[in-house]
Amino acid sequence: MNKIANRAVMCEVLKEAAAKDKNVVVLCSDSRGSASLTSFADTYPEQFVEVGIAEQNLVSIAAGLASCGKKAFAASPASFISTRSYEQCKVDCAYSNTNVKLIGISGGVSYGALGMTHHSAQDIAAMSAIPGMRVYLPSDRHQTRKLFEALLKDNQTAYIRLGRNPVEDVYEENSVPFEMDKATVLSEGTDVLLVACGEMVKPIQDAAGLLNAQGVSTGALDMYCVKPLDKEGLLKAAKGKKLIVTAEEHAPFGGLGAAVCQVICENDPKRVICLALPDSPVITGTSQEVFNYYGLTGSGIAQTVLKHLKG
């Protein structure tokens, strides 16, 4: 079982970049520990800015640094950076076209028992609604590395959600089929297509395996790029399928499921089932306990698919 969190990989990539490029700067809102960025701050103190618990200032300062030629990475809990500083994300980053990478750490229900105040089940919808804002949810540590290496090479703003805990590997370290803004095909099938992002990718990979073993030919798609959504890749994978099922660690409105439904409805109408967190405060527990409760696991997703195929 992997013991390295995606956020720790992010720190390593940024440290590697900072060693070669003094324009790489990291900002935190009293969250360097939560973001696994303490090592960056200790190694490159002159390229690190501690703003304190002031998320609006965090984003605006990052935008100011970016306007001066810096490559700014601003990290804060996803629940706060996507709500408290929403106007700054919209105006200072996206509208002003500044090179700020907004990192929402401990996304989804990562904070577990801290409850709805610390959960971020609305961030995909909120950030996707901002013109010019890209939205990414890497599925494992290996894809996280590839994504941040790619983000360091461009000058557009983006929102990246990372979970708090280590997650099982989806890819092998030396074999990560990554292309910027292109979904990754995990498996191909003829009956059903499963689509997910972030920490739900491993469960759909597991579900595809279970369904294939039961004679249901199932494909799986890692849509880490929620915006811009890989429409071409989605339609190609969806062609000829009887059913499409999306899974996301997000509210049922405005997230991956909604985006997939829009593309499918406009281009290749067929039945789509969207699995997500409920439109209410989730139960108290660890991420895995929450996923188990709402059926957002490999077995739970497989059961849902079988149910709807029979129905």
C-alpha atoms as a PDB file:
ATOM      1  CA  MET A   1       0.000   0.000   0.000  1.00  0.00           C
ATOM      2  CA  ASN A   2       1.375   3.389  -0.999  1.00  0.00           C
ATOM      3  CA  LYS A   3       2.246   5.637   1.952  1.00  0.00           C
ATOM      4  CA  ILE A   4       3.143   8.797   0.014  1.00  0.00           C
ATOM      5  CA  ALA A   5       0.399  11.425  -0.274  1.00  0.00           C
ATOM      6  CA  ASN A   6      -0.085  13.396  -3.478  1.00  0.00           C
ATOM      7  CA  ARG A   7       0.660  16.617  -1.596  1.00  0.00           C
ATOM      8  CA  ALA A   8       4.101  15.289  -0.624  1.00  0.00           C
ATOM      9  CA  VAL A   9       4.864  14.574  -4.282  1.00  0.00           C
ATOM     10  CA  MET A  10       3.773  18.122  -5.147  1.00  0.00           C
ATOM     11  CA  CYS A  11       6.325  19.457  -2.659  1.00  0.00           C
ATOM     12  CA  GLU A  12       9.119  17.384  -4.173  1.00  0.00           C
ATOM     13  CA  VAL A  13       8.321  18.575  -7.705  1.00  0.00           C
ATOM     14  CA  LEU A  14       8.231  22.212  -6.575  1.00  0.00           C
ATOM     15  CA  LYS A  15      11.530  21.822  -4.709  1.00  0.00           C
ATOM     16  CA  GLU A  16      13.156  20.363  -7.808  1.00  0.00           C
ATOM     17  CA  ALA A  17      11.859  23.284  -9.860  1.00  0.00           C
ATOM     18  CA  ALA A  18      12.840  25.910  -7.282  1.00  0.00           C
ATOM     19  CA  ALA A  19      16.416  24.643  -7.266  1.00  0.00           C
ATOM     20  CA  LYS A  20      16.715  25.576 -10.938  1.00  0.00           C
ATOM     21  CA  ASP A  21      14.348  28.541 -11.171  1.00  0.00           C
ATOM     22  CA  LYS A  22      14.282  31.393  -8.626  1.00  0.00           C
ATOM     23  CA  ASN A  23      10.955  32.548 -10.045  1.00  0.00           C
ATOM     24  CA  VAL A  24       9.180  29.543  -8.547  1.00  0.00           C
ATOM     25  CA  VAL A  25       7.498  30.751  -5.348  1.00  0.00           C
ATOM     26  CA  VAL A  26       5.151  29.000  -2.939  1.00  0.00           C
ATOM     27  CA  LEU A  27       2.630  30.703  -0.675  1.00  0.00           C
ATOM     28  CA  CYS A  28       0.664  29.214   2.223  1.00  0.00           C
ATOM     29  CA  SER A  29      -2.120  30.326   4.539  1.00  0.00           C
ATOM     30  CA  ASP A  30      -0.696  28.898   7.779  1.00  0.00           C
ATOM     31  CA  SER A  31      -0.967  25.503   6.090  1.00  0.00           C
ATOM     32  CA  ARG A  32       2.579  24.446   5.255  1.00  0.00           C
ATOM     33  CA  GLY A  33       2.200  21.346   7.433  1.00  0.00           C
ATOM     34  CA  SER A  34      -1.163  20.379   5.994  1.00  0.00           C
ATOM     35  CA  ALA A  35       0.172  20.951   2.490  1.00  0.00           C
ATOM     36  CA  SER A  36       3.404  18.982   3.140  1.00  0.00           C
ATOM     37  CA  LEU A  37       5.315  22.127   2.179  1.00  0.00           C
ATOM     38  CA  THR A  38       7.394  22.517   5.341  1.00  0.00           C
ATOM     39  CA  SER A  39      10.379  21.010   3.532  1.00  0.00           C
ATOM     40  CA  PHE A  40      10.044  23.573   0.738  1.00  0.00           C
ATOM     41  CA  ALA A  41       9.869  26.448   3.241  1.00  0.00           C
ATOM     42  CA  ASP A  42      12.956  25.179   5.089  1.00  0.00           C
ATOM     43  CA  THR A  43      14.973  24.590   1.914  1.00  0.00           C
ATOM     44  CA  TYR A  44      13.992  27.721  -0.014  1.00  0.00           C
ATOM     45  CA  PRO A  45      12.896  30.329   2.560  1.00  0.00           C
ATOM     46  CA  GLU A  46      13.451  33.204   0.114  1.00  0.00           C
ATOM     47  CA  GLN A  47      11.000  31.583  -2.300  1.00  0.00           C
ATOM     48  CA  PHE A  48       8.343  30.929   0.310  1.00  0.00           C
ATOM     49  CA  VAL A  49       5.693  33.326   1.633  1.00  0.00           C
ATOM     50  CA  GLU A  50       3.679  32.607   4.773  1.00  0.00           C
ATOM     51  CA  VAL A  51       0.546  34.732   4.609  1.00  0.00           C
ATOM     52  CA  GLY A  52      -1.214  33.376   7.676  1.00  0.00           C
ATOM     53  CA  ILE A  53      -4.890  32.589   7.953  1.00  0.00           C
ATOM     54  CA  ALA A  54      -5.886  35.100   5.296  1.00  0.00           C
ATOM     55  CA  GLU A  55      -6.953  33.236   2.170  1.00  0.00           C
ATOM     56  CA  GLN A  56      -8.065  36.329   0.262  1.00  0.00           C
ATOM     57  CA  ASN A  57      -4.666  37.946   0.802  1.00  0.00           C
ATOM     58  CA  LEU A  58      -2.993  34.665  -0.155  1.00  0.00           C
ATOM     59  CA  VAL A  59      -4.521  34.693  -3.622  1.00  0.00           C
ATOM     60  CA  SER A  60      -4.064  38.421  -4.216  1.00  0.00           C
ATOM     61  CA  ILE A  61      -0.402  38.352  -3.151  1.00  0.00           C
ATOM     62  CA  ALA A  62       0.173  35.330  -5.391  1.00  0.00           C
ATOM     63  CA  ALA A  63      -1.410  37.232  -8.287  1.00  0.00           C
ATOM     64  CA  GLY A  64       0.800  40.233  -7.560  1.00  0.00           C
ATOM     65  CA  LEU A  65       3.924  38.088  -7.594  1.00  0.00           C
ATOM     66  CA  ALA A  66       2.786  36.412 -10.814  1.00  0.00           C
ATOM     67  CA  SER A  67       2.289  39.805 -12.456  1.00  0.00           C
ATOM     68  CA  CYS A  68       5.957  40.485 -11.681  1.00  0.00           C
ATOM     69  CA  GLY A  69       7.072  37.341 -13.486  1.00  0.00           C
ATOM     70  CA  LYS A  70       6.968  34.818 -10.673  1.00  0.00           C
ATOM     71  CA  LYS A  71       5.519  31.319 -10.988  1.00  0.00           C
ATOM     72  CA  ALA A  72       3.227  31.377  -7.983  1.00  0.00           C
ATOM     73  CA  PHE A  73       1.795  28.288  -6.291  1.00  0.00           C
ATOM     74  CA  ALA A  74      -0.704  29.199  -3.571  1.00  0.00           C
ATOM     75  CA  ALA A  75      -1.727  26.383  -1.223  1.00  0.00           C
ATOM     76  CA  SER A  76      -4.602  26.414   1.237  1.00  0.00           C
ATOM     77  CA  PRO A  77      -7.313  23.977   2.375  1.00  0.00           C
ATOM     78  CA  ALA A  78      -9.674  23.403  -0.548  1.00  0.00           C
ATOM     79  CA  SER A  79     -12.667  24.210   1.613  1.00  0.00           C
ATOM     80  CA  PHE A  80     -11.346  27.728   2.212  1.00  0.00           C
ATOM     81  CA  ILE A  81      -9.477  28.736  -0.945  1.00  0.00           C
ATOM     82  CA  SER A  82     -12.511  27.843  -3.064  1.00  0.00           C
ATOM     83  CA  THR A  83     -14.950  29.851  -0.943  1.00  0.00           C
ATOM     84  CA  ARG A  84     -13.321  32.571   1.161  1.00  0.00           C
ATOM     85  CA  SER A  85     -11.127  33.787  -1.700  1.00  0.00           C
ATOM     86  CA  TYR A  86     -13.505  33.072  -4.560  1.00  0.00           C
ATOM     87  CA  GLU A  87     -13.620  36.676  -5.763  1.00  0.00           C
ATOM     88  CA  GLN A  88      -9.835  36.901  -5.782  1.00  0.00           C
ATOM     89  CA  CYS A  89      -9.594  33.616  -7.700  1.00  0.00           C
ATOM     90  CA  LYS A  90     -12.051  35.005 -10.241  1.00  0.00           C
ATOM     91  CA  VAL A  91     -10.737  38.555 -10.617  1.00  0.00           C
ATOM     92  CA  ASP A  92      -7.055  38.529  -9.615  1.00  0.00           C
ATOM     93  CA  CYS A  93      -6.208  35.189 -11.214  1.00  0.00           C
ATOM     94  CA  ALA A  94      -8.564  34.191 -14.021  1.00  0.00           C
ATOM     95  CA  TYR A  95      -9.883  37.560 -15.222  1.00  0.00           C
ATOM     96  CA  SER A  96      -6.436  39.177 -14.897  1.00  0.00           C
ATOM     97  CA  ASN A  97      -4.822  36.192 -16.626  1.00  0.00           C
ATOM     98  CA  THR A  98      -2.067  35.745 -14.038  1.00  0.00           C
ATOM     99  CA  ASN A  99       0.156  32.688 -13.667  1.00  0.00           C
ATOM    100  CA  VAL A 100      -1.154  31.479 -10.310  1.00  0.00           C
ATOM    101  CA  LYS A 101      -1.634  27.811  -9.544  1.00  0.00           C
ATOM    102  CA  LEU A 102      -4.249  27.507  -6.784  1.00  0.00           C
ATOM    103  CA  ILE A 103      -3.754  24.329  -4.780  1.00  0.00           C
ATOM    104  CA  GLY A 104      -6.730  23.121  -2.768  1.00  0.00           C
ATOM    105  CA  ILE A 105      -5.265  20.735  -0.210  1.00  0.00           C
ATOM    106  CA  SER A 106      -7.210  18.194   1.834  1.00  0.00           C
ATOM    107  CA  GLY A 107      -9.961  18.290  -0.770  1.00  0.00           C
ATOM    108  CA  GLY A 108     -13.319  16.547  -0.659  1.00  0.00           C
ATOM    109  CA  VAL A 109     -13.936  14.861   2.692  1.00  0.00           C
ATOM    110  CA  SER A 110     -10.224  14.502   3.572  1.00  0.00           C
ATOM    111  CA  TYR A 111     -10.723  16.313   6.871  1.00  0.00           C
ATOM    112  CA  GLY A 112     -13.180  13.612   7.903  1.00  0.00           C
ATOM    113  CA  ALA A 113     -14.618  14.226  11.347  1.00  0.00           C
ATOM    114  CA  LEU A 114     -14.142  18.003  11.153  1.00  0.00           C
ATOM    115  CA  GLY A 115     -17.366  18.032   9.171  1.00  0.00           C
ATOM    116  CA  MET A 116     -18.976  20.266   6.586  1.00  0.00           C
ATOM    117  CA  THR A 117     -17.027  23.403   7.545  1.00  0.00           C
ATOM    118  CA  HIS A 118     -13.830  21.701   6.382  1.00  0.00           C
ATOM    119  CA  HIS A 119     -15.209  19.571   3.569  1.00  0.00           C
ATOM    120  CA  SER A 120     -14.962  20.866  -0.003  1.00  0.00           C
ATOM    121  CA  ALA A 121     -17.797  19.285  -1.945  1.00  0.00           C
ATOM    122  CA  GLN A 122     -18.466  22.386  -4.040  1.00  0.00           C
ATOM    123  CA  ASP A 123     -15.030  23.378  -5.306  1.00  0.00           C
ATOM    124  CA  ILE A 124     -15.182  21.655  -8.701  1.00  0.00           C
ATOM    125  CA  ALA A 125     -18.445  23.408  -9.527  1.00  0.00           C
ATOM    126  CA  ALA A 126     -17.277  26.782  -8.204  1.00  0.00           C
ATOM    127  CA  MET A 127     -13.905  26.829  -9.913  1.00  0.00           C
ATOM    128  CA  SER A 128     -15.199  25.357 -13.178  1.00  0.00           C
ATOM    129  CA  ALA A 129     -17.716  28.197 -13.411  1.00  0.00           C
ATOM    130  CA  ILE A 130     -14.948  30.824 -13.603  1.00  0.00           C
ATOM    131  CA  PRO A 131     -14.021  31.697 -17.205  1.00  0.00           C
ATOM    132  CA  GLY A 132     -10.359  30.978 -17.792  1.00  0.00           C
ATOM    133  CA  MET A 133      -9.926  28.754 -14.742  1.00  0.00           C
ATOM    134  CA  ARG A 134      -8.667  25.227 -15.372  1.00  0.00           C
ATOM    135  CA  VAL A 135      -9.553  22.472 -12.884  1.00  0.00           C
ATOM    136  CA  TYR A 136      -7.478  19.349 -12.224  1.00  0.00           C
ATOM    137  CA  LEU A 137      -7.831  16.412  -9.825  1.00  0.00           C
ATOM    138  CA  PRO A 138      -4.885  13.989 -10.146  1.00  0.00           C
ATOM    139  CA  SER A 139      -5.662  10.390  -9.240  1.00  0.00           C
ATOM    140  CA  ASP A 140      -2.412   9.196  -7.671  1.00  0.00           C
ATOM    141  CA  ARG A 141       1.134  10.259  -6.750  1.00  0.00           C
ATOM    142  CA  HIS A 142       2.583   9.404 -10.162  1.00  0.00           C
ATOM    143  CA  GLN A 143      -0.001  11.414 -12.092  1.00  0.00           C
ATOM    144  CA  THR A 144       0.420  14.248  -9.570  1.00  0.00           C
ATOM    145  CA  ARG A 145       4.105  14.479 -10.476  1.00  0.00           C
ATOM    146  CA  LYS A 146       3.352  14.557 -14.197  1.00  0.00           C
ATOM    147  CA  LEU A 147       0.663  17.205 -13.728  1.00  0.00           C
ATOM    148  CA  PHE A 148       2.810  19.588 -11.676  1.00  0.00           C
ATOM    149  CA  GLU A 149       5.743  19.170 -14.029  1.00  0.00           C
ATOM    150  CA  ALA A 150       3.405  20.199 -16.860  1.00  0.00           C
ATOM    151  CA  LEU A 151       1.908  23.108 -14.911  1.00  0.00           C
ATOM    152  CA  LEU A 152       5.379  24.505 -14.270  1.00  0.00           C
ATOM    153  CA  LYS A 153       5.804  24.880 -18.019  1.00  0.00           C
ATOM    154  CA  ASP A 154       2.725  27.023 -18.717  1.00  0.00           C
ATOM    155  CA  ASN A 155       1.652  30.490 -17.604  1.00  0.00           C
ATOM    156  CA  GLN A 156      -2.103  30.052 -17.150  1.00  0.00           C
ATOM    157  CA  THR A 157      -4.000  29.955 -13.894  1.00  0.00           C
ATOM    158  CA  ALA A 158      -5.396  26.676 -12.618  1.00  0.00           C
ATOM    159  CA  TYR A 159      -7.036  25.066  -9.603  1.00  0.00           C
ATOM    160  CA  ILE A 160      -5.648  21.715  -8.453  1.00  0.00           C
ATOM    161  CA  ARG A 161      -7.390  19.676  -5.771  1.00  0.00           C
ATOM    162  CA  LEU A 162      -5.280  17.265  -3.722  1.00  0.00           C
ATOM    163  CA  GLY A 163      -6.461  14.911  -0.989  1.00  0.00           C
ATOM    164  CA  ARG A 164      -4.916  14.674   2.457  1.00  0.00           C
ATOM    165  CA  ASN A 165      -4.102  10.974   2.727  1.00  0.00           C
ATOM    166  CA  PRO A 166      -2.032   8.594   0.604  1.00  0.00           C
ATOM    167  CA  VAL A 167      -4.081   6.775  -2.030  1.00  0.00           C
ATOM    168  CA  GLU A 168      -3.485   3.512  -3.834  1.00  0.00           C
ATOM    169  CA  ASP A 169      -1.476   3.734  -7.025  1.00  0.00           C
ATOM    170  CA  VAL A 170      -3.438   3.793 -10.258  1.00  0.00           C
ATOM    171  CA  TYR A 171      -0.310   3.889 -12.418  1.00  0.00           C
ATOM    172  CA  GLU A 172       3.194   2.466 -12.240  1.00  0.00           C
ATOM    173  CA  GLU A 173       6.016   4.906 -11.563  1.00  0.00           C
ATOM    174  CA  ASN A 174       7.768   4.372 -14.877  1.00  0.00           C
ATOM    175  CA  SER A 175       4.601   3.979 -16.914  1.00  0.00           C
ATOM    176  CA  VAL A 176       2.287   6.963 -16.548  1.00  0.00           C
ATOM    177  CA  PRO A 177       0.368   7.645 -19.794  1.00  0.00           C
ATOM    178  CA  PHE A 178       0.002  11.372 -19.211  1.00  0.00           C
ATOM    179  CA  GLU A 179      -0.979  14.019 -21.734  1.00  0.00           C
ATOM    180  CA  MET A 180      -2.025  17.497 -20.629  1.00  0.00           C
ATOM    181  CA  ASP A 181      -5.794  18.019 -20.837  1.00  0.00           C
ATOM    182  CA  LYS A 182      -6.379  14.520 -22.205  1.00  0.00           C
ATOM    183  CA  ALA A 183      -8.225  11.827 -20.262  1.00  0.00           C
ATOM    184  CA  THR A 184      -6.412   8.546 -19.693  1.00  0.00           C
ATOM    185  CA  VAL A 185      -8.018   5.291 -20.776  1.00  0.00           C
ATOM    186  CA  LEU A 186      -7.566   2.794 -17.945  1.00  0.00           C
ATOM    187  CA  SER A 187      -9.417  -0.037 -19.657  1.00  0.00           C
ATOM    188  CA  GLU A 188     -11.679  -0.568 -22.635  1.00  0.00           C
ATOM    189  CA  GLY A 189     -15.050  -2.298 -22.826  1.00  0.00           C
ATOM    190  CA  THR A 190     -18.167  -2.546 -24.953  1.00  0.00           C
ATOM    191  CA  ASP A 191     -21.042  -2.443 -22.446  1.00  0.00           C
ATOM    192  CA  VAL A 192     -20.343   0.178 -19.777  1.00  0.00           C
ATOM    193  CA  LEU A 193     -18.065   3.208 -19.335  1.00  0.00           C
ATOM    194  CA  LEU A 194     -16.946   4.401 -15.903  1.00  0.00           C
ATOM    195  CA  VAL A 195     -15.587   7.958 -15.620  1.00  0.00           C
ATOM    196  CA  ALA A 196     -13.969   9.484 -12.530  1.00  0.00           C
ATOM    197  CA  CYS A 197     -11.492  12.069 -11.276  1.00  0.00           C
ATOM    198  CA  GLY A 198      -9.241  12.380  -8.248  1.00  0.00           C
ATOM    199  CA  GLU A 199      -9.575   9.777  -5.522  1.00  0.00           C
ATOM    200  CA  MET A 200     -12.503   8.107  -7.278  1.00  0.00           C
ATOM    201  CA  VAL A 201     -10.309   6.853 -10.131  1.00  0.00           C
ATOM    202  CA  LYS A 202      -8.942   3.866  -8.220  1.00  0.00           C
ATOM    203  CA  PRO A 203     -12.470   2.748  -7.219  1.00  0.00           C
ATOM    204  CA  ILE A 204     -13.696   2.799 -10.837  1.00  0.00           C
ATOM    205  CA  GLN A 205     -10.582   0.885 -11.863  1.00  0.00           C
ATOM    206  CA  ASP A 206     -11.449  -1.726  -9.246  1.00  0.00           C
ATOM    207  CA  ALA A 207     -15.110  -1.705 -10.266  1.00  0.00           C
ATOM    208  CA  ALA A 208     -14.193  -2.283 -13.910  1.00  0.00           C
ATOM    209  CA  GLY A 209     -12.200  -5.330 -12.886  1.00  0.00           C
ATOM    210  CA  LEU A 210     -15.104  -6.731 -10.863  1.00  0.00           C
ATOM    211  CA  LEU A 211     -17.605  -6.130 -13.660  1.00  0.00           C
ATOM    212  CA  ASN A 212     -15.405  -7.639 -16.338  1.00  0.00           C
ATOM    213  CA  ALA A 213     -15.034 -10.723 -14.157  1.00  0.00           C
ATOM    214  CA  GLN A 214     -18.835 -11.011 -14.144  1.00  0.00           C
ATOM    215  CA  GLY A 215     -19.124 -10.760 -17.892  1.00  0.00           C
ATOM    216  CA  VAL A 216     -19.924  -7.045 -18.138  1.00  0.00           C
ATOM    217  CA  SER A 217     -17.446  -5.548 -20.589  1.00  0.00           C
ATOM    218  CA  THR A 218     -16.450  -2.328 -18.835  1.00  0.00           C
ATOM    219  CA  GLY A 219     -14.178   0.548 -19.766  1.00  0.00           C
ATOM    220  CA  ALA A 220     -12.739   3.093 -17.339  1.00  0.00           C
ATOM    221  CA  LEU A 221     -11.636   6.671 -17.984  1.00  0.00           C
ATOM    222  CA  ASP A 222      -9.489   8.886 -15.738  1.00  0.00           C
ATOM    223  CA  MET A 223     -10.807  12.406 -16.364  1.00  0.00           C
ATOM    224  CA  TYR A 224      -8.256  14.221 -14.203  1.00  0.00           C
ATOM    225  CA  CYS A 225      -8.833  17.303 -16.389  1.00  0.00           C
ATOM    226  CA  VAL A 226     -12.346  18.292 -15.342  1.00  0.00           C
ATOM    227  CA  LYS A 227     -11.873  21.624 -17.098  1.00  0.00           C
ATOM    228  CA  PRO A 228     -11.041  21.662 -19.904  1.00  0.00           C
ATOM    229  CA  LEU A 229     -12.925  18.389 -20.131  1.00  0.00           C
ATOM    230  CA  ASP A 230     -11.550  16.039 -22.765  1.00  0.00           C
ATOM    231  CA  LYS A 231     -14.724  15.919 -24.856  1.00  0.00           C
ATOM    232  CA  GLU A 232     -13.131  14.051 -27.737  1.00  0.00           C
ATOM    233  CA  GLY A 233     -11.739  11.369 -25.438  1.00  0.00           C
ATOM    234  CA  LEU A 234     -15.047  11.040 -23.603  1.00  0.00           C
ATOM    235  CA  LEU A 235     -17.111  10.644 -26.759  1.00  0.00           C
ATOM    236  CA  LYS A 236     -14.694   8.122 -28.196  1.00  0.00           C
ATOM    237  CA  ALA A 237     -14.806   6.035 -25.015  1.00  0.00           C
ATOM    238  CA  ALA A 238     -18.601   6.364 -24.719  1.00  0.00           C
ATOM    239  CA  LYS A 239     -19.337   5.278 -28.269  1.00  0.00           C
ATOM    240  CA  GLY A 240     -21.581   2.218 -28.363  1.00  0.00           C
ATOM    241  CA  LYS A 241     -21.920   1.903 -24.588  1.00  0.00           C
ATOM    242  CA  LYS A 242     -25.231   0.949 -22.972  1.00  0.00           C
ATOM    243  CA  LEU A 243     -24.545   2.913 -19.797  1.00  0.00           C
ATOM    244  CA  ILE A 244     -22.153   5.558 -18.492  1.00  0.00           C
ATOM    245  CA  VAL A 245     -21.467   5.978 -14.766  1.00  0.00           C
ATOM    246  CA  THR A 246     -19.503   8.855 -13.258  1.00  0.00           C
ATOM    247  CA  ALA A 247     -18.016   8.908  -9.761  1.00  0.00           C
ATOM    248  CA  GLU A 248     -16.729  11.930  -7.861  1.00  0.00           C
ATOM    249  CA  GLU A 249     -15.953  13.129  -4.349  1.00  0.00           C
ATOM    250  CA  HIS A 250     -18.200  16.135  -4.772  1.00  0.00           C
ATOM    251  CA  ALA A 251     -21.766  17.365  -4.440  1.00  0.00           C
ATOM    252  CA  PRO A 252     -24.198  16.070  -7.103  1.00  0.00           C
ATOM    253  CA  PHE A 253     -24.392  19.495  -8.765  1.00  0.00           C
ATOM    254  CA  GLY A 254     -21.941  21.173 -11.125  1.00  0.00           C
ATOM    255  CA  GLY A 255     -19.130  18.656 -10.934  1.00  0.00           C
ATOM    256  CA  LEU A 256     -17.716  15.961 -13.191  1.00  0.00           C
ATOM    257  CA  GLY A 257     -21.050  14.181 -13.574  1.00  0.00           C
ATOM    258  CA  ALA A 258     -22.777  17.337 -14.760  1.00  0.00           C
ATOM    259  CA  ALA A 259     -20.006  18.052 -17.277  1.00  0.00           C
ATOM    260  CA  VAL A 260     -20.130  14.508 -18.643  1.00  0.00           C
ATOM    261  CA  CYS A 261     -23.922  14.631 -18.910  1.00  0.00           C
ATOM    262  CA  GLN A 262     -23.768  17.875 -20.870  1.00  0.00           C
ATOM    263  CA  VAL A 263     -21.324  16.468 -23.421  1.00  0.00           C
ATOM    264  CA  ILE A 264     -23.157  13.150 -23.796  1.00  0.00           C
ATOM    265  CA  CYS A 265     -26.582  14.795 -24.045  1.00  0.00           C
ATOM    266  CA  GLU A 266     -25.432  17.166 -26.770  1.00  0.00           C
ATOM    267  CA  ASN A 267     -23.499  14.655 -28.844  1.00  0.00           C
ATOM    268  CA  ASP A 268     -24.415  11.015 -28.148  1.00  0.00           C
ATOM    269  CA  PRO A 269     -27.508  10.783 -25.921  1.00  0.00           C
ATOM    270  CA  LYS A 270     -27.655   7.756 -23.648  1.00  0.00           C
ATOM    271  CA  ARG A 271     -28.201   6.946 -19.993  1.00  0.00           C
ATOM    272  CA  VAL A 272     -25.750   8.453 -17.510  1.00  0.00           C
ATOM    273  CA  ILE A 273     -25.743   7.677 -13.779  1.00  0.00           C
ATOM    274  CA  CYS A 274     -23.882  10.178 -11.588  1.00  0.00           C
ATOM    275  CA  LEU A 275     -22.470   8.891  -8.295  1.00  0.00           C
ATOM    276  CA  ALA A 276     -21.457  11.600  -5.843  1.00  0.00           C
ATOM    277  CA  LEU A 277     -21.733  12.752  -2.252  1.00  0.00           C
ATOM    278  CA  PRO A 278     -25.265  13.645  -1.124  1.00  0.00           C
ATOM    279  CA  ASP A 279     -26.809  17.111  -1.188  1.00  0.00           C
ATOM    280  CA  SER A 280     -26.489  17.286   2.603  1.00  0.00           C
ATOM    281  CA  PRO A 281     -23.771  17.191   5.269  1.00  0.00           C
ATOM    282  CA  VAL A 282     -22.017  13.828   4.963  1.00  0.00           C
ATOM    283  CA  ILE A 283     -21.643  11.379   7.796  1.00  0.00           C
ATOM    284  CA  THR A 284     -18.759  11.788  10.233  1.00  0.00           C
ATOM    285  CA  GLY A 285     -15.804   9.528   9.592  1.00  0.00           C
ATOM    286  CA  THR A 286     -12.584   9.002   7.686  1.00  0.00           C
ATOM    287  CA  SER A 287     -12.539   9.365   3.914  1.00  0.00           C
ATOM    288  CA  GLN A 288     -12.753   5.602   3.460  1.00  0.00           C
ATOM    289  CA  GLU A 289     -15.628   5.297   5.923  1.00  0.00           C
ATOM    290  CA  VAL A 290     -17.498   8.007   4.030  1.00  0.00           C
ATOM    291  CA  PHE A 291     -16.833   6.322   0.692  1.00  0.00           C
ATOM    292  CA  ASN A 292     -17.972   2.969   2.081  1.00  0.00           C
ATOM    293  CA  TYR A 293     -21.185   4.480   3.421  1.00  0.00           C
ATOM    294  CA  TYR A 294     -22.165   6.115   0.133  1.00  0.00           C
ATOM    295  CA  GLY A 295     -21.097   3.258  -2.114  1.00  0.00           C
ATOM    296  CA  LEU A 296     -18.145   5.135  -3.623  1.00  0.00           C
ATOM    297  CA  THR A 297     -15.926   2.048  -3.649  1.00  0.00           C
ATOM    298  CA  GLY A 298     -15.034  -0.517  -6.252  1.00  0.00           C
ATOM    299  CA  SER A 299     -17.650  -2.988  -5.036  1.00  0.00           C
ATOM    300  CA  GLY A 300     -20.245  -0.280  -4.438  1.00  0.00           C
ATOM    301  CA  ILE A 301     -19.855   1.156  -7.930  1.00  0.00           C
ATOM    302  CA  ALA A 302     -19.981  -2.334  -9.471  1.00  0.00           C
ATOM    303  CA  GLN A 303     -23.203  -3.084  -7.604  1.00  0.00           C
ATOM    304  CA  THR A 304     -24.750   0.158  -8.829  1.00  0.00           C
ATOM    305  CA  VAL A 305     -23.845  -0.661 -12.425  1.00  0.00           C
ATOM    306  CA  LEU A 306     -25.357  -4.160 -12.191  1.00  0.00           C
ATOM    307  CA  LYS A 307     -28.502  -2.729 -10.632  1.00  0.00           C
ATOM    308  CA  HIS A 308     -29.038  -0.243 -13.446  1.00  0.00           C
ATOM    309  CA  LEU A 309     -28.213  -2.738 -16.177  1.00  0.00           C
ATOM    310  CA  LYS A 310     -30.892  -5.082 -14.826  1.00  0.00           C
ATOM    311  CA  GLY A 311     -33.334  -2.179 -14.438  1.00  0.00           C
END
